[in-house]
C-alpha cells in the first residue's frame, strides 16, 4: 500500500465522519469542531503511517506509536464532543463511527506493513 492508497486514509475517514454529522441535514458547530479535530489527528496518523511503511515493515516501536495515535484520536473526539457538556445523538454517532474506523479500517491499512 503506497501513495494514493495512504492518502485515502484521511479522505475516507473524513467522508465517513461527515456522513454521520449530516444525518439531520445540517452540521452543527460542535460536529464541525469534531471534524476539524479528526482532520488534524488523522493527518498526523496518516503521516506517521507513511513513515512507518517507508521500508515496507511496521516495527513494534512504530506500532506502539500508531496505537497511541489512534487512542489519542478517539480521546480527542470525545473531548471535543463533550466540550459543551452535552453529547447529542449525532456526536455519539460520530464517536461510534471513528471507533469503527480505527478498529477496522486503520487496522487493515496497518496490517499491510506488519510481518
N, C-alpha and C. Protein backbone atom coordinates (compact mmCIF):
# COMPACT_ATOMS: atom_id res chain seq x y z
N UNK A 1 0.86 -1.17 0.00
CA UNK A 1 0.00 0.00 0.00
C UNK A 1 0.90 1.23 0.00
N UNK A 2 0.69 2.07 -0.98
CA UNK A 2 1.54 3.24 -1.12
C UNK A 2 0.74 4.43 -1.63
N UNK A 3 1.38 5.57 -1.63
CA UNK A 3 0.89 6.77 -2.27
C UNK A 3 -0.57 7.08 -2.08
N UNK A 4 -1.31 6.99 -3.18
CA UNK A 4 -2.72 7.38 -3.16
C UNK A 4 -3.55 6.59 -2.17
N UNK A 5 -3.24 5.30 -2.01
CA UNK A 5 -4.00 4.49 -1.07
C UNK A 5 -3.83 5.02 0.35
N UNK A 6 -2.63 5.44 0.70
CA UNK A 6 -2.40 6.00 2.03
C UNK A 6 -3.07 7.37 2.16
N UNK A 7 -3.08 8.13 1.08
CA UNK A 7 -3.75 9.43 1.11
C UNK A 7 -5.25 9.26 1.36
N UNK A 8 -5.79 8.13 0.96
CA UNK A 8 -7.21 7.85 1.14
C UNK A 8 -7.59 7.68 2.61
N UNK A 9 -6.64 7.40 3.48
CA UNK A 9 -6.95 7.21 4.90
C UNK A 9 -7.67 8.45 5.43
N UNK A 10 -7.10 9.61 5.18
CA UNK A 10 -7.69 10.86 5.67
C UNK A 10 -9.02 11.13 4.98
N UNK A 11 -9.05 11.05 3.66
CA UNK A 11 -10.28 11.35 2.92
C UNK A 11 -11.41 10.41 3.29
N UNK A 12 -11.13 9.12 3.35
CA UNK A 12 -12.17 8.15 3.69
C UNK A 12 -12.70 8.37 5.10
N UNK A 13 -11.81 8.69 6.02
CA UNK A 13 -12.23 8.93 7.40
C UNK A 13 -13.11 10.16 7.48
N UNK A 14 -12.68 11.25 6.86
CA UNK A 14 -13.47 12.49 6.91
C UNK A 14 -14.83 12.32 6.23
N UNK A 15 -14.86 11.62 5.10
CA UNK A 15 -16.13 11.40 4.41
C UNK A 15 -17.09 10.59 5.27
N UNK A 16 -16.60 9.54 5.91
CA UNK A 16 -17.45 8.72 6.77
C UNK A 16 -17.96 9.52 7.96
N UNK A 17 -17.10 10.32 8.55
CA UNK A 17 -17.50 11.13 9.70
C UNK A 17 -18.51 12.21 9.28
N UNK A 18 -18.30 12.82 8.13
CA UNK A 18 -19.21 13.87 7.66
C UNK A 18 -20.59 13.30 7.37
N UNK A 19 -20.65 12.07 6.86
CA UNK A 19 -21.95 11.44 6.61
C UNK A 19 -22.76 11.31 7.89
N UNK A 20 -22.10 10.94 8.96
CA UNK A 20 -22.80 10.83 10.25
C UNK A 20 -23.24 12.21 10.71
N UNK A 21 -22.37 13.19 10.58
CA UNK A 21 -22.68 14.55 11.03
C UNK A 21 -23.86 15.15 10.25
N UNK A 22 -24.02 14.76 8.98
CA UNK A 22 -25.06 15.34 8.13
C UNK A 22 -26.39 14.59 8.21
N UNK A 23 -26.50 13.61 9.09
CA UNK A 23 -27.71 12.79 9.11
C UNK A 23 -28.98 13.61 9.30
N UNK A 24 -28.93 14.69 10.04
CA UNK A 24 -30.13 15.52 10.24
C UNK A 24 -30.20 16.69 9.25
N UNK A 25 -29.31 16.69 8.28
CA UNK A 25 -29.34 17.71 7.24
C UNK A 25 -28.44 18.91 7.49
N UNK A 26 -27.91 19.04 8.69
CA UNK A 26 -27.00 20.15 8.99
C UNK A 26 -25.82 19.64 9.81
N UNK A 27 -24.74 20.37 9.72
CA UNK A 27 -23.58 20.07 10.56
C UNK A 27 -23.51 21.18 11.60
N UNK A 28 -23.71 20.82 12.85
CA UNK A 28 -23.68 21.80 13.93
C UNK A 28 -22.25 22.28 14.17
N UNK A 29 -22.13 23.36 14.92
CA UNK A 29 -20.82 23.88 15.27
C UNK A 29 -19.98 22.80 15.95
N UNK A 30 -20.58 22.09 16.90
CA UNK A 30 -19.86 21.05 17.64
C UNK A 30 -19.40 19.93 16.71
N UNK A 31 -20.27 19.52 15.80
CA UNK A 31 -19.91 18.47 14.84
C UNK A 31 -18.79 18.95 13.92
N UNK A 32 -18.85 20.22 13.51
CA UNK A 32 -17.80 20.79 12.68
C UNK A 32 -16.47 20.77 13.43
N UNK A 33 -16.51 21.10 14.71
CA UNK A 33 -15.29 21.08 15.52
C UNK A 33 -14.73 19.66 15.63
N UNK A 34 -15.61 18.68 15.74
CA UNK A 34 -15.17 17.28 15.77
C UNK A 34 -14.48 16.94 14.45
N UNK A 35 -15.09 17.32 13.34
CA UNK A 35 -14.50 17.05 12.03
C UNK A 35 -13.13 17.72 11.89
N UNK A 36 -13.00 18.95 12.37
CA UNK A 36 -11.69 19.63 12.33
C UNK A 36 -10.65 18.87 13.14
N UNK A 37 -11.04 18.40 14.33
CA UNK A 37 -10.11 17.66 15.18
C UNK A 37 -9.71 16.35 14.52
N UNK A 38 -10.69 15.65 13.94
CA UNK A 38 -10.40 14.39 13.26
C UNK A 38 -9.46 14.64 12.09
N UNK A 39 -9.70 15.70 11.33
CA UNK A 39 -8.83 16.01 10.20
C UNK A 39 -7.40 16.22 10.66
N UNK A 40 -7.23 16.98 11.71
CA UNK A 40 -5.90 17.26 12.25
C UNK A 40 -5.22 15.97 12.73
N UNK A 41 -5.94 15.20 13.56
CA UNK A 41 -5.36 14.00 14.16
C UNK A 41 -5.10 12.90 13.13
N UNK A 42 -6.04 12.70 12.22
CA UNK A 42 -5.87 11.64 11.22
C UNK A 42 -4.77 12.02 10.23
N UNK A 43 -4.61 13.29 9.95
CA UNK A 43 -3.50 13.72 9.10
C UNK A 43 -2.16 13.35 9.75
N UNK A 44 -2.04 13.60 11.05
CA UNK A 44 -0.82 13.21 11.78
C UNK A 44 -0.62 11.70 11.75
N UNK A 45 -1.71 10.96 11.97
CA UNK A 45 -1.64 9.50 11.94
C UNK A 45 -1.21 9.02 10.55
N UNK A 46 -1.82 9.58 9.52
CA UNK A 46 -1.50 9.20 8.15
C UNK A 46 -0.03 9.45 7.84
N UNK A 47 0.51 10.58 8.29
CA UNK A 47 1.93 10.88 8.07
C UNK A 47 2.82 9.89 8.81
N UNK A 48 2.45 9.54 10.04
CA UNK A 48 3.22 8.56 10.81
C UNK A 48 3.14 7.19 10.15
N UNK A 49 1.97 6.84 9.61
CA UNK A 49 1.81 5.56 8.93
C UNK A 49 2.67 5.51 7.67
N UNK A 50 2.68 6.59 6.90
CA UNK A 50 3.52 6.63 5.70
C UNK A 50 4.99 6.44 6.07
N UNK A 51 5.41 7.12 7.12
CA UNK A 51 6.80 7.00 7.57
C UNK A 51 7.09 5.57 8.01
N UNK A 52 6.16 4.97 8.74
CA UNK A 52 6.36 3.60 9.22
C UNK A 52 6.44 2.61 8.06
N UNK A 53 5.71 2.89 6.99
CA UNK A 53 5.67 1.97 5.85
C UNK A 53 6.75 2.25 4.81
N UNK A 54 7.60 3.25 5.06
CA UNK A 54 8.66 3.57 4.10
C UNK A 54 9.50 2.36 3.74
N UNK A 55 9.80 1.53 4.73
CA UNK A 55 10.62 0.35 4.48
C UNK A 55 9.78 -0.90 4.26
N UNK A 56 8.45 -0.74 4.24
CA UNK A 56 7.56 -1.86 3.98
C UNK A 56 7.20 -2.67 5.21
N UNK A 57 7.74 -2.30 6.37
CA UNK A 57 7.50 -3.06 7.60
C UNK A 57 7.17 -2.10 8.73
N UNK A 58 6.13 -2.42 9.49
CA UNK A 58 5.82 -1.65 10.69
C UNK A 58 6.46 -2.38 11.86
N UNK A 59 7.47 -1.76 12.45
CA UNK A 59 8.16 -2.37 13.59
C UNK A 59 7.30 -2.27 14.84
N UNK A 60 7.71 -2.96 15.89
CA UNK A 60 6.94 -2.90 17.14
C UNK A 60 6.94 -1.49 17.72
N UNK A 61 8.05 -0.77 17.60
CA UNK A 61 8.09 0.62 18.07
C UNK A 61 7.13 1.50 17.27
N UNK A 62 7.15 1.33 15.96
CA UNK A 62 6.23 2.09 15.12
C UNK A 62 4.78 1.73 15.43
N UNK A 63 4.54 0.45 15.68
CA UNK A 63 3.19 0.01 16.03
C UNK A 63 2.71 0.66 17.33
N UNK A 64 3.60 0.78 18.30
CA UNK A 64 3.24 1.43 19.57
C UNK A 64 2.88 2.90 19.34
N UNK A 65 3.63 3.57 18.49
CA UNK A 65 3.35 4.97 18.18
C UNK A 65 1.99 5.09 17.50
N UNK A 66 1.74 4.24 16.51
CA UNK A 66 0.46 4.28 15.79
C UNK A 66 -0.71 3.96 16.72
N UNK A 67 -0.51 3.01 17.62
CA UNK A 67 -1.57 2.66 18.57
C UNK A 67 -1.89 3.83 19.48
N UNK A 68 -0.86 4.51 19.98
CA UNK A 68 -1.09 5.68 20.83
C UNK A 68 -1.80 6.78 20.05
N UNK A 69 -1.41 6.97 18.81
CA UNK A 69 -2.06 7.99 17.99
C UNK A 69 -3.54 7.67 17.79
N UNK A 70 -3.86 6.40 17.57
CA UNK A 70 -5.26 6.01 17.41
C UNK A 70 -6.04 6.25 18.70
N UNK A 71 -5.43 5.91 19.82
CA UNK A 71 -6.07 6.17 21.12
C UNK A 71 -6.32 7.67 21.30
N UNK A 72 -5.34 8.47 20.91
CA UNK A 72 -5.46 9.93 21.04
C UNK A 72 -6.55 10.49 20.13
N UNK A 73 -6.70 9.92 18.93
CA UNK A 73 -7.76 10.37 18.03
C UNK A 73 -9.11 10.22 18.72
N UNK A 74 -9.35 9.05 19.28
CA UNK A 74 -10.64 8.79 19.95
C UNK A 74 -10.82 9.69 21.17
N UNK A 75 -9.78 9.81 21.98
CA UNK A 75 -9.86 10.68 23.17
C UNK A 75 -10.17 12.12 22.77
N UNK A 76 -9.53 12.60 21.73
CA UNK A 76 -9.75 13.97 21.29
C UNK A 76 -11.16 14.19 20.76
N UNK A 77 -11.70 13.20 20.04
CA UNK A 77 -13.07 13.31 19.55
C UNK A 77 -14.04 13.39 20.73
N UNK A 78 -13.83 12.55 21.73
CA UNK A 78 -14.70 12.56 22.92
C UNK A 78 -14.58 13.89 23.65
N UNK A 79 -13.37 14.40 23.79
CA UNK A 79 -13.16 15.69 24.46
C UNK A 79 -13.89 16.82 23.74
N UNK A 80 -13.76 16.87 22.42
CA UNK A 80 -14.42 17.92 21.65
C UNK A 80 -15.94 17.76 21.73
N UNK A 81 -16.43 16.53 21.61
CA UNK A 81 -17.87 16.29 21.67
C UNK A 81 -18.44 16.71 23.02
N UNK A 82 -17.67 16.54 24.07
CA UNK A 82 -18.13 16.83 25.43
C UNK A 82 -17.81 18.26 25.86
N UNK A 83 -17.27 19.07 24.98
CA UNK A 83 -16.86 20.44 25.33
C UNK A 83 -18.01 21.24 25.94
N UNK A 84 -19.20 21.07 25.39
CA UNK A 84 -20.37 21.81 25.90
C UNK A 84 -21.12 21.03 26.98
N UNK A 85 -20.51 19.95 27.44
CA UNK A 85 -21.08 19.09 28.49
C UNK A 85 -22.33 18.34 28.04
N UNK A 86 -22.61 18.36 26.73
CA UNK A 86 -23.74 17.63 26.17
C UNK A 86 -23.23 16.87 24.95
N UNK A 87 -23.42 15.56 24.94
CA UNK A 87 -23.06 14.75 23.78
C UNK A 87 -24.38 14.26 23.17
N UNK A 88 -24.77 14.89 22.05
CA UNK A 88 -26.05 14.53 21.44
C UNK A 88 -25.91 13.25 20.61
N UNK A 89 -27.03 12.81 20.04
CA UNK A 89 -27.04 11.53 19.32
C UNK A 89 -26.10 11.52 18.12
N UNK A 90 -26.04 12.62 17.38
CA UNK A 90 -25.13 12.65 16.23
C UNK A 90 -23.67 12.64 16.68
N UNK A 91 -23.36 13.33 17.76
CA UNK A 91 -22.00 13.30 18.29
C UNK A 91 -21.66 11.89 18.77
N UNK A 92 -22.62 11.22 19.40
CA UNK A 92 -22.41 9.82 19.79
C UNK A 92 -22.18 8.96 18.56
N UNK A 93 -22.94 9.24 17.49
CA UNK A 93 -22.75 8.52 16.24
C UNK A 93 -21.38 8.75 15.65
N UNK A 94 -20.88 9.97 15.77
CA UNK A 94 -19.54 10.28 15.27
C UNK A 94 -18.47 9.56 16.08
N UNK A 95 -18.68 9.49 17.40
CA UNK A 95 -17.74 8.75 18.26
C UNK A 95 -17.75 7.27 17.88
N UNK A 96 -18.94 6.73 17.67
CA UNK A 96 -19.06 5.33 17.27
C UNK A 96 -18.38 5.09 15.93
N UNK A 97 -18.60 5.99 14.97
CA UNK A 97 -18.02 5.84 13.64
C UNK A 97 -16.50 5.90 13.67
N UNK A 98 -15.91 6.84 14.41
CA UNK A 98 -14.45 6.92 14.45
C UNK A 98 -13.88 5.69 15.16
N UNK A 99 -14.60 5.17 16.14
CA UNK A 99 -14.17 3.93 16.80
C UNK A 99 -14.14 2.78 15.80
N UNK A 100 -15.19 2.65 15.00
CA UNK A 100 -15.24 1.60 13.97
C UNK A 100 -14.11 1.77 12.96
N UNK A 101 -13.90 3.00 12.52
CA UNK A 101 -12.86 3.26 11.53
C UNK A 101 -11.49 2.89 12.10
N UNK A 102 -11.23 3.28 13.32
CA UNK A 102 -9.95 2.97 13.95
C UNK A 102 -9.78 1.46 14.10
N UNK A 103 -10.81 0.79 14.58
CA UNK A 103 -10.71 -0.65 14.85
C UNK A 103 -10.68 -1.51 13.60
N UNK A 104 -11.29 -1.06 12.52
CA UNK A 104 -11.35 -1.88 11.32
C UNK A 104 -10.45 -1.33 10.22
N UNK A 105 -10.78 -0.17 9.71
CA UNK A 105 -10.08 0.37 8.55
C UNK A 105 -8.61 0.66 8.83
N UNK A 106 -8.32 1.37 9.92
CA UNK A 106 -6.92 1.67 10.24
C UNK A 106 -6.12 0.39 10.45
N UNK A 107 -6.73 -0.58 11.13
CA UNK A 107 -6.04 -1.84 11.38
C UNK A 107 -5.74 -2.57 10.08
N UNK A 108 -6.69 -2.55 9.14
CA UNK A 108 -6.46 -3.20 7.85
C UNK A 108 -5.31 -2.52 7.11
N UNK A 109 -5.27 -1.20 7.15
CA UNK A 109 -4.20 -0.45 6.48
C UNK A 109 -2.86 -0.79 7.11
N UNK A 110 -2.82 -0.83 8.44
CA UNK A 110 -1.57 -1.15 9.14
C UNK A 110 -1.12 -2.57 8.87
N UNK A 111 -2.07 -3.49 8.77
CA UNK A 111 -1.72 -4.90 8.57
C UNK A 111 -0.94 -5.13 7.28
N UNK A 112 -1.05 -4.24 6.32
CA UNK A 112 -0.30 -4.40 5.08
C UNK A 112 1.21 -4.28 5.32
N UNK A 113 1.61 -3.66 6.43
CA UNK A 113 3.03 -3.47 6.70
C UNK A 113 3.58 -4.31 7.82
N UNK A 114 2.72 -5.10 8.46
CA UNK A 114 3.20 -5.93 9.58
C UNK A 114 3.65 -7.28 9.06
N UNK A 115 4.74 -7.75 9.62
CA UNK A 115 5.26 -9.07 9.23
C UNK A 115 5.67 -9.83 10.45
